[in-house]
Each structure stands twice: as structure tokens, then as C-alpha cells.
Amino acid sequence: MKIIKRTDSHIRDTPGGMVLVATQAGGQPPQFPPIEFVHHDQPIEEIETGPAGSLYSFTVVHPGKDKPAYALAMVDFESGVRAFGRLLFDGSPPAIESRVRVVPFALPDGTPDYAFQEQ
């Protein structure tokens, strides 16, 4: 049995905005982050999720003195995917169930990634 590592990005720019790429295998619910390792003959469907979803939950992390606070969120999408990621906001945080969109975000090492921001 041969195992293949999926190397496609988990984010994608589209004309409608940035989306997350979830995967679905064999009738299972879609999942994000996408499946990383698959059997070479296992059918995997990519599902573009976003660019907007509903804020399910969030928390503000206070990592300690001399480090800025940041927020993490879980966002529900119409595809049935619930995704976790950074939540960006200025001032007051968005309300639970408010609409947020997927936006570009760079990790500390400069790697392109995503975050969520109120629409």
C-alpha cells in the first residue's frame, strides 16, 4: 500500500476572496486542515470553504509581559467545516455569530497563512 503526502496549500486566493481548502474522503464530513496523508487510490475531494463564515467562539491569549495579546477563533462555514485560526480586530472583539472573512496573515517566520477578520 502506497501512502502519498498531500502538498497543496490549505489556503487559496479566489476572485471572491481568500478561502480555506478542506478535504473530504469517502463520504466522511469535510475536514480542515486538509487530510495530509492519503492512500494513493483513496479519492479525496477538495472543498473551498469561505471566504466568509460565522464566528462560533474566540478567546484572547495574554502570553505574558512584554508580549502582545492575540485572539484565536473557531469559525463555522456553510460547507460544514469549523476552522480554527487567528482572529484580527481593532478595539472591541466581534460578537459571537457575527460574520468574519478569511484574510491573509503571515506567521512569525514569514510563511503565508490565514486569519479571520470581521466583515
N, C-alpha and C. Protein backbone atom coordinates (compact mmCIF):
# COMPACT_ATOMS: atom_id res chain seq x y z
N MET A 1 0.85 -1.17 0.00
CA MET A 1 0.00 0.00 0.00
C MET A 1 0.90 1.24 0.00
N LYS A 2 0.65 2.13 -0.92
CA LYS A 2 1.45 3.34 -1.06
C LYS A 2 0.71 4.51 -0.42
N ILE A 3 1.43 5.27 0.41
CA ILE A 3 0.88 6.46 1.06
C ILE A 3 1.47 7.69 0.36
N ILE A 4 0.62 8.65 0.06
CA ILE A 4 1.06 9.87 -0.61
C ILE A 4 0.83 11.05 0.32
N LYS A 5 1.83 11.94 0.40
CA LYS A 5 1.69 13.16 1.20
C LYS A 5 1.10 14.26 0.32
N ARG A 6 0.02 14.84 0.79
CA ARG A 6 -0.62 15.95 0.09
C ARG A 6 0.21 17.20 0.33
N THR A 7 0.59 17.91 -0.73
CA THR A 7 1.45 19.08 -0.58
C THR A 7 0.79 20.39 -1.00
N ASP A 8 -0.47 20.32 -1.44
CA ASP A 8 -1.17 21.54 -1.85
C ASP A 8 -1.42 22.43 -0.63
N SER A 9 -1.50 23.72 -0.87
CA SER A 9 -1.73 24.69 0.20
C SER A 9 -3.13 24.55 0.79
N HIS A 10 -3.26 24.93 2.05
CA HIS A 10 -4.56 24.92 2.74
C HIS A 10 -5.29 26.25 2.61
N ILE A 11 -4.70 27.19 1.88
CA ILE A 11 -5.34 28.48 1.59
C ILE A 11 -5.26 28.75 0.10
N ARG A 12 -6.22 29.53 -0.40
CA ARG A 12 -6.24 29.81 -1.83
C ARG A 12 -6.90 31.17 -2.04
N ASP A 13 -6.30 31.97 -2.94
CA ASP A 13 -6.93 33.24 -3.35
C ASP A 13 -7.87 32.95 -4.50
N THR A 14 -9.08 33.48 -4.41
CA THR A 14 -10.07 33.32 -5.48
C THR A 14 -10.60 34.72 -5.83
N PRO A 15 -11.28 34.87 -6.95
CA PRO A 15 -11.86 36.19 -7.27
C PRO A 15 -12.81 36.70 -6.18
N GLY A 16 -13.46 35.79 -5.44
CA GLY A 16 -14.38 36.20 -4.39
C GLY A 16 -13.72 36.47 -3.05
N GLY A 17 -12.43 36.19 -2.93
CA GLY A 17 -11.70 36.39 -1.69
C GLY A 17 -10.91 35.15 -1.31
N MET A 18 -10.18 35.24 -0.22
CA MET A 18 -9.37 34.12 0.24
C MET A 18 -10.27 33.03 0.82
N VAL A 19 -9.95 31.77 0.51
CA VAL A 19 -10.71 30.64 1.03
C VAL A 19 -9.76 29.63 1.67
N LEU A 20 -10.32 28.82 2.54
CA LEU A 20 -9.60 27.69 3.11
C LEU A 20 -9.92 26.47 2.26
N VAL A 21 -8.97 25.56 2.13
CA VAL A 21 -9.18 24.34 1.35
C VAL A 21 -9.32 23.18 2.32
N ALA A 22 -10.54 22.67 2.43
CA ALA A 22 -10.82 21.49 3.25
C ALA A 22 -10.79 20.27 2.33
N THR A 23 -10.74 19.09 2.91
CA THR A 23 -10.80 17.87 2.11
C THR A 23 -11.89 16.96 2.66
N GLN A 24 -12.37 16.10 1.77
CA GLN A 24 -13.39 15.14 2.15
C GLN A 24 -13.02 13.80 1.52
N ALA A 25 -13.05 12.75 2.32
CA ALA A 25 -12.68 11.42 1.83
C ALA A 25 -13.81 10.43 2.10
N GLY A 26 -14.19 9.71 1.07
CA GLY A 26 -15.10 8.59 1.20
C GLY A 26 -16.36 8.82 2.00
N GLY A 27 -17.08 9.89 1.75
CA GLY A 27 -18.34 10.12 2.43
C GLY A 27 -18.21 10.66 3.84
N GLN A 28 -17.01 10.87 4.32
CA GLN A 28 -16.79 11.45 5.64
C GLN A 28 -17.09 12.95 5.59
N PRO A 29 -17.33 13.58 6.74
CA PRO A 29 -17.53 15.03 6.73
C PRO A 29 -16.26 15.75 6.27
N PRO A 30 -16.40 16.92 5.67
CA PRO A 30 -15.22 17.67 5.28
C PRO A 30 -14.39 18.05 6.50
N GLN A 31 -13.08 18.12 6.31
CA GLN A 31 -12.22 18.48 7.44
C GLN A 31 -11.19 19.52 7.06
N PHE A 32 -10.88 20.35 8.04
CA PHE A 32 -9.85 21.37 7.91
C PHE A 32 -9.07 21.41 9.21
N PRO A 33 -7.76 21.40 9.17
CA PRO A 33 -6.91 21.42 7.99
C PRO A 33 -7.12 20.16 7.13
N PRO A 34 -6.72 20.24 5.86
CA PRO A 34 -6.98 19.14 4.95
C PRO A 34 -6.20 17.88 5.33
N ILE A 35 -6.70 16.76 4.86
CA ILE A 35 -6.02 15.49 5.07
C ILE A 35 -4.61 15.61 4.49
N GLU A 36 -3.60 15.20 5.25
CA GLU A 36 -2.22 15.35 4.80
C GLU A 36 -1.69 14.11 4.09
N PHE A 37 -2.02 12.92 4.61
CA PHE A 37 -1.54 11.68 4.03
C PHE A 37 -2.72 10.85 3.56
N VAL A 38 -2.65 10.33 2.34
CA VAL A 38 -3.73 9.52 1.78
C VAL A 38 -3.15 8.28 1.11
N HIS A 39 -3.97 7.23 1.03
CA HIS A 39 -3.60 6.08 0.22
C HIS A 39 -3.65 6.53 -1.23
N HIS A 40 -2.76 6.02 -2.05
CA HIS A 40 -2.67 6.51 -3.43
C HIS A 40 -3.95 6.33 -4.23
N ASP A 41 -4.81 5.39 -3.85
CA ASP A 41 -6.05 5.18 -4.60
C ASP A 41 -7.27 5.73 -3.87
N GLN A 42 -7.08 6.42 -2.74
CA GLN A 42 -8.19 6.95 -1.97
C GLN A 42 -8.69 8.24 -2.62
N PRO A 43 -9.98 8.29 -3.00
CA PRO A 43 -10.49 9.53 -3.61
C PRO A 43 -10.63 10.64 -2.56
N ILE A 44 -10.02 11.76 -2.84
CA ILE A 44 -10.06 12.93 -1.95
C ILE A 44 -10.64 14.09 -2.73
N GLU A 45 -11.67 14.71 -2.16
CA GLU A 45 -12.28 15.87 -2.79
C GLU A 45 -11.85 17.13 -2.04
N GLU A 46 -11.40 18.13 -2.77
CA GLU A 46 -11.08 19.42 -2.16
C GLU A 46 -12.34 20.28 -2.13
N ILE A 47 -12.55 20.96 -1.01
CA ILE A 47 -13.72 21.82 -0.84
C ILE A 47 -13.24 23.21 -0.45
N GLU A 48 -13.49 24.19 -1.31
CA GLU A 48 -13.15 25.58 -0.97
C GLU A 48 -14.17 26.08 0.04
N THR A 49 -13.67 26.56 1.16
CA THR A 49 -14.51 26.97 2.28
C THR A 49 -14.29 28.45 2.56
N GLY A 50 -15.34 29.21 2.51
CA GLY A 50 -15.23 30.65 2.72
C GLY A 50 -15.69 31.37 1.48
N PRO A 51 -15.40 32.59 1.32
CA PRO A 51 -14.47 33.40 2.10
C PRO A 51 -15.03 33.93 3.42
N ALA A 52 -16.32 33.68 3.70
CA ALA A 52 -16.90 34.21 4.94
C ALA A 52 -17.56 33.09 5.73
N GLY A 53 -17.56 33.27 7.04
CA GLY A 53 -18.20 32.31 7.93
C GLY A 53 -18.76 33.03 9.14
N SER A 54 -19.23 32.25 10.09
CA SER A 54 -19.85 32.78 11.30
C SER A 54 -18.96 32.49 12.50
N LEU A 55 -18.68 33.52 13.31
CA LEU A 55 -17.82 33.36 14.48
C LEU A 55 -18.51 32.48 15.51
N TYR A 56 -17.95 31.31 15.76
CA TYR A 56 -18.52 30.35 16.71
C TYR A 56 -18.04 30.64 18.14
N SER A 57 -16.75 30.90 18.28
CA SER A 57 -16.16 31.14 19.60
C SER A 57 -14.80 31.81 19.41
N PHE A 58 -14.33 32.47 20.46
CA PHE A 58 -12.98 33.03 20.41
C PHE A 58 -12.45 33.21 21.83
N THR A 59 -11.15 33.38 21.93
CA THR A 59 -10.51 33.69 23.20
C THR A 59 -9.36 34.65 22.93
N VAL A 60 -9.04 35.46 23.92
CA VAL A 60 -7.89 36.36 23.83
C VAL A 60 -6.79 35.76 24.71
N VAL A 61 -5.63 35.56 24.11
CA VAL A 61 -4.48 34.97 24.80
C VAL A 61 -3.56 36.09 25.25
N HIS A 62 -3.18 36.05 26.52
CA HIS A 62 -2.23 37.01 27.09
C HIS A 62 -0.97 36.23 27.43
N PRO A 63 0.03 36.21 26.52
CA PRO A 63 1.18 35.33 26.68
C PRO A 63 2.19 35.74 27.76
N GLY A 64 2.05 36.90 28.33
CA GLY A 64 2.98 37.32 29.37
C GLY A 64 3.48 38.72 29.11
N LYS A 65 4.24 39.19 30.08
CA LYS A 65 4.70 40.57 29.94
C LYS A 65 5.66 40.69 28.76
N ASP A 66 5.67 41.84 28.17
CA ASP A 66 6.49 42.16 27.01
C ASP A 66 6.07 41.44 25.73
N LYS A 67 4.93 40.75 25.76
CA LYS A 67 4.41 40.11 24.54
C LYS A 67 2.97 40.56 24.36
N PRO A 68 2.62 40.94 23.13
CA PRO A 68 1.25 41.44 22.91
C PRO A 68 0.21 40.32 22.97
N ALA A 69 -0.98 40.68 23.41
CA ALA A 69 -2.10 39.74 23.42
C ALA A 69 -2.54 39.48 21.98
N TYR A 70 -3.14 38.33 21.75
CA TYR A 70 -3.69 37.99 20.45
C TYR A 70 -4.93 37.14 20.64
N ALA A 71 -5.75 37.05 19.62
CA ALA A 71 -7.01 36.31 19.72
C ALA A 71 -6.99 35.10 18.79
N LEU A 72 -7.66 34.04 19.24
CA LEU A 72 -7.85 32.82 18.46
C LEU A 72 -9.35 32.56 18.34
N ALA A 73 -9.78 32.04 17.21
CA ALA A 73 -11.21 31.86 16.99
C ALA A 73 -11.52 30.53 16.32
N MET A 74 -12.76 30.11 16.51
CA MET A 74 -13.32 29.00 15.74
C MET A 74 -14.46 29.60 14.92
N VAL A 75 -14.46 29.28 13.62
CA VAL A 75 -15.41 29.85 12.68
C VAL A 75 -16.14 28.73 11.95
N ASP A 76 -17.45 28.84 11.87
CA ASP A 76 -18.28 27.88 11.15
C ASP A 76 -18.53 28.37 9.73
N PHE A 77 -18.41 27.44 8.77
CA PHE A 77 -18.66 27.75 7.36
C PHE A 77 -19.84 26.93 6.86
N GLU A 78 -20.49 27.41 5.80
CA GLU A 78 -21.66 26.74 5.24
C GLU A 78 -21.35 25.32 4.78
N SER A 79 -20.10 25.01 4.45
CA SER A 79 -19.72 23.68 3.99
C SER A 79 -19.75 22.64 5.11
N GLY A 80 -19.96 23.10 6.35
CA GLY A 80 -19.94 22.18 7.48
C GLY A 80 -18.59 22.13 8.18
N VAL A 81 -17.64 22.90 7.69
CA VAL A 81 -16.30 22.95 8.30
C VAL A 81 -16.30 23.96 9.44
N ARG A 82 -15.65 23.60 10.53
CA ARG A 82 -15.37 24.54 11.63
C ARG A 82 -13.85 24.66 11.66
N ALA A 83 -13.35 25.88 11.43
CA ALA A 83 -11.90 26.11 11.34
C ALA A 83 -11.42 26.96 12.51
N PHE A 84 -10.16 26.74 12.88
CA PHE A 84 -9.50 27.42 13.99
C PHE A 84 -8.40 28.31 13.42
N GLY A 85 -8.24 29.51 13.96
CA GLY A 85 -7.17 30.38 13.50
C GLY A 85 -7.15 31.69 14.25
N ARG A 86 -6.21 32.55 13.88
CA ARG A 86 -6.10 33.87 14.48
C ARG A 86 -7.33 34.70 14.18
N LEU A 87 -7.70 35.55 15.13
CA LEU A 87 -8.79 36.50 14.95
C LEU A 87 -8.19 37.89 15.06
N LEU A 88 -8.33 38.68 14.00
CA LEU A 88 -7.79 40.04 13.99
C LEU A 88 -8.92 41.03 14.23
N PHE A 89 -8.69 41.98 15.16
CA PHE A 89 -9.67 43.04 15.37
C PHE A 89 -8.98 44.21 16.05
N ASP A 90 -9.54 45.40 15.82
CA ASP A 90 -9.07 46.62 16.48
C ASP A 90 -10.16 47.03 17.46
N GLY A 91 -9.79 47.31 18.68
CA GLY A 91 -10.78 47.74 19.66
C GLY A 91 -11.56 46.57 20.22
N SER A 92 -12.87 46.63 20.13
CA SER A 92 -13.73 45.58 20.68
C SER A 92 -13.74 44.36 19.78
N PRO A 93 -13.74 43.17 20.38
CA PRO A 93 -13.82 41.95 19.57
C PRO A 93 -15.22 41.83 18.95
N PRO A 94 -15.33 41.11 17.84
CA PRO A 94 -16.65 40.92 17.22
C PRO A 94 -17.54 40.05 18.10
N ALA A 95 -18.84 40.15 17.89
CA ALA A 95 -19.81 39.37 18.65
C ALA A 95 -19.86 37.93 18.11
N ILE A 96 -20.17 37.00 19.00
CA ILE A 96 -20.38 35.62 18.60
C ILE A 96 -21.49 35.61 17.54
N GLU A 97 -21.33 34.80 16.52
CA GLU A 97 -22.22 34.64 15.37
C GLU A 97 -22.11 35.77 14.36
N SER A 98 -21.19 36.74 14.59
CA SER A 98 -21.00 37.77 13.56
C SER A 98 -20.27 37.16 12.37
N ARG A 99 -20.39 37.81 11.23
CA ARG A 99 -19.74 37.33 10.00
C ARG A 99 -18.28 37.77 10.01
N VAL A 100 -17.41 36.83 9.73
CA VAL A 100 -15.98 37.11 9.59
C VAL A 100 -15.53 36.55 8.24
N ARG A 101 -14.43 37.09 7.75
CA ARG A 101 -13.90 36.62 6.47
C ARG A 101 -12.47 36.12 6.66
N VAL A 102 -12.05 35.28 5.75
CA VAL A 102 -10.68 34.77 5.74
C VAL A 102 -9.81 35.84 5.10
N VAL A 103 -8.71 36.20 5.77
CA VAL A 103 -7.80 37.23 5.26
C VAL A 103 -6.37 36.71 5.32
N PRO A 104 -5.48 37.27 4.49
CA PRO A 104 -4.07 36.85 4.53
C PRO A 104 -3.44 37.24 5.87
N PHE A 105 -2.51 36.40 6.33
CA PHE A 105 -1.79 36.63 7.59
C PHE A 105 -0.45 35.94 7.46
N ALA A 106 0.61 36.55 7.93
CA ALA A 106 1.94 35.93 7.88
C ALA A 106 2.31 35.40 9.26
N LEU A 107 2.82 34.18 9.29
CA LEU A 107 3.32 33.60 10.54
C LEU A 107 4.61 34.33 10.94
N PRO A 108 5.06 34.18 12.19
CA PRO A 108 6.27 34.89 12.62
C PRO A 108 7.50 34.66 11.73
N ASP A 109 7.58 33.49 11.10
CA ASP A 109 8.73 33.22 10.22
C ASP A 109 8.50 33.72 8.79
N GLY A 110 7.36 34.39 8.55
CA GLY A 110 7.07 34.94 7.23
C GLY A 110 6.25 34.03 6.33
N THR A 111 5.97 32.82 6.77
CA THR A 111 5.18 31.89 5.96
C THR A 111 3.76 32.44 5.78
N PRO A 112 3.26 32.47 4.55
CA PRO A 112 1.89 32.94 4.33
C PRO A 112 0.87 32.01 4.98
N ASP A 113 -0.12 32.59 5.63
CA ASP A 113 -1.16 31.81 6.28
C ASP A 113 -2.45 32.63 6.22
N TYR A 114 -3.39 32.33 7.09
CA TYR A 114 -4.69 33.00 7.09
C TYR A 114 -5.03 33.44 8.51
N ALA A 115 -6.00 34.33 8.59
CA ALA A 115 -6.61 34.74 9.86
C ALA A 115 -8.06 35.06 9.55
N PHE A 116 -8.81 35.40 10.58
CA PHE A 116 -10.21 35.80 10.42
C PHE A 116 -10.35 37.25 10.86
N GLN A 117 -11.22 37.99 10.16
CA GLN A 117 -11.47 39.39 10.48
C GLN A 117 -12.94 39.70 10.23
N GLU A 118 -13.51 40.50 11.11
CA GLU A 118 -14.93 40.85 10.97
C GLU A 118 -15.16 41.55 9.62
N GLN A 119 -16.29 41.22 8.99
CA GLN A 119 -16.63 41.83 7.69
C GLN A 119 -17.07 43.25 7.86
